[in-house]
Amino acid sequence: MGGLSPIYRHAELYDAVYEGRGRSYEADSRMLARHIRERRAGASALLDVACGTGRNLYYFATEFAHVEGVDLAEDMLRAARRRLPGVPLHRADMRDFRLGRRFDAVTCLFSSIGYLEDVGQLKAAVRCFGRHLRPGGVLAVEPWYFPETALSGHVTADLVTAGERRISRISHVAVEGRLHRMTVHYLVGEPESGVRHLTDLHLLSLFTRREYEAALAEAGVTAVDFVDTGPGRPGLFVGVKG
C-alpha cells in the first residue's frame, strides 16, 4: 500500500467533512447488522477493519456485545479511542494482522479495500479477514467501483459548516488504466488561523467483480451476495465463512 493520504492525518477535519456531507453512519451500521444477523442470528463479536475514527464502530457497539477495530492511520485511531473508550483498537495493515481471536463478523467499509495496489494484495487482505472469522461467520466488504462503473472526469463540490469552521471540498476523479485517480482540494477557514489549503491524492484500484469474488472464494467465503446500497454508492459484498 502507498503512503497515507493527508486527510487520514487530520481526523477532525475528516469527520467534519463527512458529517457535513450527510454520511449516515448509524443507518449504514444498522443495515449491516441486519445483513449479518440474517446470516448468523447469534452474532455477538464484530471486527471492523479500516475502522477510521470509529463512527461505524460506535453504532456496531450498540448492536454487538464485543467489537474491535483495526486501522493503519494513527491519527484516525486517536479519534476512535476518544470516541470508544475501552474498545480494543489496533494499528495494523489490513493485508496481514493477527489479533489472536476470531469474530462472528468482519467488516471492511468505506471502500478502504480499494487502496490495495493489486490482486495479490486484495487476496492477502481477504485471507486475513477470513482467518479472523469463526466458521459460519459473516464477511462484509464495501468495494471501490468496478472498471465499468468508475466515472472519469467527474467533479464534486461541498461546503461544510462545523462550528465556526468553514470547509470547502472539491474533488476530481479520472480513470487511468486500472486506477481511479482522485484529487481533492480542501480550503479550511477558521476565525483565529485564517484559511489553509490541503491537497489530497487518492489512488484506488479498479478491481473487477470477478476479482473480488475470486478473492472471497479463496478465503473460504461462500454464499456471497452483492448488495445494491443505493445511488452514488459502490455496493457491498456479503458472504459466509465455510
Protein backbone atom coordinates (compact mmCIF):
# COMPACT_ATOMS: atom_id res chain seq x y z
CA MET A 1 0.00 0.00 0.00
CA GLY A 2 1.21 3.51 -0.70
CA GLY A 3 1.62 6.23 1.91
CA LEU A 4 -1.41 7.52 3.75
CA SER A 5 -3.25 10.40 2.13
CA PRO A 6 -3.02 13.66 4.10
CA ILE A 7 -6.70 13.61 5.10
CA TYR A 8 -6.05 10.50 7.20
CA ARG A 9 -3.66 12.55 9.31
CA HIS A 10 -6.40 15.10 10.02
CA ALA A 11 -9.08 13.08 11.79
CA GLU A 12 -11.19 16.02 12.98
CA LEU A 13 -11.28 17.54 9.50
CA TYR A 14 -12.20 14.14 8.03
CA ASP A 15 -15.08 13.73 10.48
CA ALA A 16 -16.36 17.26 9.93
CA VAL A 17 -16.39 16.83 6.13
CA TYR A 18 -18.26 13.53 6.09
CA GLU A 19 -20.73 14.61 8.74
CA GLY A 20 -21.39 17.78 6.74
CA ARG A 21 -21.82 15.76 3.54
CA GLY A 22 -24.60 13.76 5.21
CA ARG A 23 -22.93 10.37 5.61
CA SER A 24 -25.32 8.31 7.77
CA TYR A 25 -23.07 6.07 9.82
CA GLU A 26 -25.96 4.99 12.02
CA ALA A 27 -28.15 3.90 9.11
CA ASP A 28 -25.23 2.10 7.44
CA SER A 29 -24.34 0.28 10.66
CA ARG A 30 -27.92 -0.79 11.36
CA MET A 31 -28.26 -2.05 7.77
CA LEU A 32 -25.05 -4.06 8.08
CA ALA A 33 -26.12 -5.50 11.42
CA ARG A 34 -29.32 -6.74 9.75
CA HIS A 35 -27.36 -8.40 6.96
CA ILE A 36 -25.06 -10.05 9.49
CA ARG A 37 -27.92 -11.36 11.64
CA GLU A 38 -29.78 -12.69 8.61
CA ARG A 39 -26.78 -14.95 8.05
CA ARG A 40 -25.68 -15.53 11.67
CA ALA A 41 -28.53 -14.85 14.06
CA GLY A 42 -26.49 -15.13 17.24
CA ALA A 43 -23.60 -12.91 16.14
CA SER A 44 -22.09 -11.18 19.17
CA ALA A 45 -18.49 -10.26 18.21
CA LEU A 46 -17.52 -7.96 15.32
CA LEU A 47 -14.23 -6.67 13.93
CA ASP A 48 -14.22 -3.53 11.77
CA VAL A 49 -11.14 -3.33 9.53
CA ALA A 50 -10.13 0.18 8.41
CA CYS A 51 -12.33 1.50 11.20
CA GLY A 52 -11.15 5.09 10.77
CA THR A 53 -12.38 7.40 13.51
CA GLY A 54 -14.80 4.77 14.78
CA ARG A 55 -18.04 6.26 13.52
CA ASN A 56 -19.48 2.92 12.31
CA LEU A 57 -17.91 1.07 15.22
CA TYR A 58 -19.72 3.38 17.65
CA TYR A 59 -23.06 2.07 16.38
CA PHE A 60 -21.83 -1.51 15.99
CA ALA A 61 -21.05 -1.38 19.73
CA THR A 62 -24.76 -0.94 20.42
CA GLU A 63 -25.60 -3.97 18.25
CA PHE A 64 -22.91 -6.47 19.28
CA ALA A 65 -21.62 -7.42 22.72
CA HIS A 66 -17.95 -7.20 21.70
CA VAL A 67 -16.39 -5.03 19.00
CA GLU A 68 -12.83 -4.28 17.95
CA GLY A 69 -11.25 -2.13 15.25
CA VAL A 70 -8.15 -2.10 13.05
CA ASP A 71 -6.71 0.84 11.15
CA LEU A 72 -3.37 1.88 9.67
CA ALA A 73 -3.67 5.62 10.39
CA GLU A 74 -2.62 6.57 13.92
CA ASP A 75 -4.47 9.90 13.88
CA MET A 76 -7.72 8.18 12.92
CA LEU A 77 -7.22 5.68 15.74
CA ARG A 78 -6.57 8.53 18.17
CA ALA A 79 -10.02 9.94 17.35
CA ALA A 80 -11.57 6.46 17.55
CA ARG A 81 -10.06 5.85 21.01
CA ARG A 82 -11.60 9.08 22.23
CA ARG A 83 -14.98 8.09 20.78
CA LEU A 84 -14.82 4.47 22.00
CA PRO A 85 -13.12 4.26 25.40
CA GLY A 86 -12.49 0.65 26.38
CA VAL A 87 -12.90 -0.76 22.86
CA PRO A 88 -9.79 -2.65 21.63
CA LEU A 89 -8.34 -0.74 18.67
CA HIS A 90 -5.27 -1.96 16.82
CA ARG A 91 -2.86 -0.22 14.47
CA ALA A 92 -2.24 -2.71 11.67
CA ASP A 93 -2.13 -3.23 7.91
CA MET A 94 -5.24 -4.95 6.55
CA ARG A 95 -3.10 -7.27 4.43
CA ASP A 96 -1.58 -9.07 7.40
CA PHE A 97 -2.54 -8.78 11.05
CA ARG A 98 -3.11 -11.35 13.79
CA LEU A 99 -5.31 -10.48 16.74
CA GLY A 100 -5.33 -13.94 18.33
CA ARG A 101 -9.12 -14.35 18.26
CA ARG A 102 -11.99 -14.91 15.84
CA PHE A 103 -15.20 -13.00 15.35
CA ASP A 104 -18.77 -13.66 14.21
CA ALA A 105 -18.47 -10.84 11.69
CA VAL A 106 -15.72 -8.87 9.97
CA THR A 107 -16.46 -5.66 8.09
CA CYS A 108 -14.29 -3.54 5.80
CA LEU A 109 -16.20 -0.41 4.77
CA PHE A 110 -15.91 2.97 3.07
CA SER A 111 -14.19 1.35 0.06
CA SER A 112 -10.95 1.15 2.06
CA ILE A 113 -10.06 -2.05 0.24
CA GLY A 114 -9.63 -0.01 -2.95
CA TYR A 115 -6.30 1.31 -1.63
CA LEU A 116 -4.75 -2.13 -2.17
CA GLU A 117 -2.45 -1.96 -5.16
CA ASP A 118 -3.02 -5.26 -6.97
CA VAL A 119 -4.95 -8.52 -6.95
CA GLY A 120 -2.26 -10.21 -4.85
CA GLN A 121 -2.75 -7.65 -2.09
CA LEU A 122 -6.53 -7.97 -2.40
CA LYS A 123 -6.30 -11.74 -1.91
CA ALA A 124 -3.91 -11.34 1.03
CA ALA A 125 -6.27 -8.93 2.79
CA VAL A 126 -9.38 -11.07 2.26
CA ARG A 127 -7.49 -14.16 3.50
CA CYS A 128 -6.54 -12.17 6.59
CA PHE A 129 -10.18 -11.21 7.15
CA GLY A 130 -11.18 -14.86 6.74
CA ARG A 131 -8.62 -16.02 9.33
CA HIS A 132 -10.37 -13.80 11.87
CA LEU A 133 -13.82 -15.29 11.23
CA ARG A 134 -15.36 -18.18 13.10
CA PRO A 135 -16.87 -20.94 10.92
CA GLY A 136 -20.23 -19.59 9.77
CA GLY A 137 -19.07 -16.03 10.41
CA VAL A 138 -20.06 -13.18 8.08
CA LEU A 139 -17.72 -11.03 5.99
CA ALA A 140 -18.97 -7.71 4.62
CA VAL A 141 -16.71 -5.77 2.24
CA GLU A 142 -17.62 -2.46 0.62
CA PRO A 143 -15.59 -2.38 -2.62
CA TRP A 144 -14.49 0.58 -4.66
CA TYR A 145 -16.06 0.88 -8.10
CA PHE A 146 -15.62 -1.73 -10.83
CA PRO A 147 -13.87 -0.70 -14.08
CA GLU A 148 -17.23 -0.47 -15.88
CA THR A 149 -18.86 1.69 -13.20
CA ALA A 150 -15.98 4.10 -12.47
CA LEU A 151 -16.65 7.66 -13.58
CA SER A 152 -13.90 9.69 -15.26
CA GLY A 153 -13.69 13.46 -15.43
CA HIS A 154 -16.23 13.79 -12.62
CA VAL A 155 -16.16 16.77 -10.24
CA THR A 156 -17.92 17.11 -6.88
CA ALA A 157 -18.02 20.11 -4.55
CA ASP A 158 -19.24 20.58 -0.98
CA LEU A 159 -19.26 23.41 1.52
CA VAL A 160 -19.41 22.27 5.14
CA THR A 161 -20.01 24.25 8.34
CA ALA A 162 -18.53 22.83 11.54
CA GLY A 163 -18.98 25.29 14.38
CA GLU A 164 -17.08 28.43 13.35
CA ARG A 165 -15.03 26.47 10.80
CA ARG A 166 -15.94 26.51 7.11
CA ILE A 167 -14.62 23.74 4.85
CA SER A 168 -14.78 23.68 1.06
CA ARG A 169 -14.07 20.31 -0.57
CA ILE A 170 -13.67 19.92 -4.34
CA SER A 171 -12.71 16.60 -5.92
CA HIS A 172 -11.93 15.38 -9.42
CA VAL A 173 -11.66 11.72 -10.46
CA ALA A 174 -10.14 10.24 -13.60
CA VAL A 175 -9.66 6.65 -14.75
CA GLU A 176 -6.04 5.81 -15.55
CA GLY A 177 -5.88 2.19 -16.67
CA ARG A 178 -6.87 0.06 -13.69
CA LEU A 179 -6.62 3.02 -11.29
CA HIS A 180 -9.02 5.72 -10.21
CA ARG A 181 -7.04 8.90 -9.53
CA MET A 182 -8.94 11.18 -7.15
CA THR A 183 -7.53 14.62 -6.45
CA VAL A 184 -9.18 16.52 -3.60
CA HIS A 185 -8.65 20.12 -2.54
CA TYR A 186 -9.74 21.42 0.86
CA LEU A 187 -9.98 25.06 1.87
CA VAL A 188 -10.38 25.32 5.63
CA GLY A 189 -11.35 28.70 7.10
CA GLU A 190 -11.06 29.31 10.87
CA PRO A 191 -11.55 32.56 12.79
CA GLU A 192 -8.15 32.53 14.52
CA SER A 193 -5.83 30.97 11.95
CA GLY A 194 -7.43 32.17 8.71
CA VAL A 195 -7.62 29.99 5.58
CA ARG A 196 -5.39 27.00 4.82
CA HIS A 197 -5.24 24.74 1.79
CA LEU A 198 -4.82 20.97 1.84
CA THR A 199 -4.35 18.84 -1.28
CA ASP A 200 -5.12 15.14 -1.16
CA LEU A 201 -4.39 12.41 -3.71
CA HIS A 202 -6.10 9.00 -3.63
CA LEU A 203 -5.12 6.18 -5.98
CA LEU A 204 -7.81 3.49 -5.87
CA SER A 205 -7.63 0.17 -7.69
CA LEU A 206 -10.44 -0.72 -10.07
CA PHE A 207 -10.76 -4.43 -9.28
CA THR A 208 -13.36 -6.35 -11.24
CA ARG A 209 -16.33 -8.01 -9.61
CA ARG A 210 -14.85 -11.38 -10.60
CA GLU A 211 -11.56 -10.49 -8.86
CA TYR A 212 -13.39 -9.65 -5.63
CA GLU A 213 -15.44 -12.84 -5.83
CA ALA A 214 -12.34 -14.95 -6.53
CA ALA A 215 -10.56 -13.46 -3.51
CA LEU A 216 -13.58 -14.21 -1.32
CA ALA A 217 -13.81 -17.79 -2.61
CA GLU A 218 -10.09 -18.42 -1.99
CA ALA A 219 -10.57 -17.23 1.59
CA GLY A 220 -13.36 -19.78 2.09
CA VAL A 221 -16.16 -17.20 1.99
CA THR A 222 -19.15 -18.60 0.11
CA ALA A 223 -22.83 -17.81 -0.50
CA VAL A 224 -21.70 -14.32 -1.46
CA ASP A 225 -24.36 -11.72 -2.25
CA PHE A 226 -23.70 -8.38 -3.90
CA VAL A 227 -25.99 -5.82 -2.28
CA ASP A 228 -27.02 -2.60 -4.03
CA THR A 229 -26.56 0.17 -1.44
CA GLY A 230 -28.11 2.98 -3.46
CA PRO A 231 -27.19 5.77 -5.90
CA GLY A 232 -23.64 7.04 -5.66
CA ARG A 233 -22.51 4.05 -3.62
CA PRO A 234 -20.41 1.13 -4.92
CA GLY A 235 -22.41 -1.67 -3.27
CA LEU A 236 -21.47 -4.35 -0.74
CA PHE A 237 -20.24 -7.94 -0.82
CA VAL A 238 -21.66 -10.09 1.99
CA GLY A 239 -20.69 -13.74 2.41
CA VAL A 240 -20.31 -16.53 4.97
CA LYS A 241 -17.11 -18.33 6.02
CA GLY A 242 -17.39 -22.06 5.42
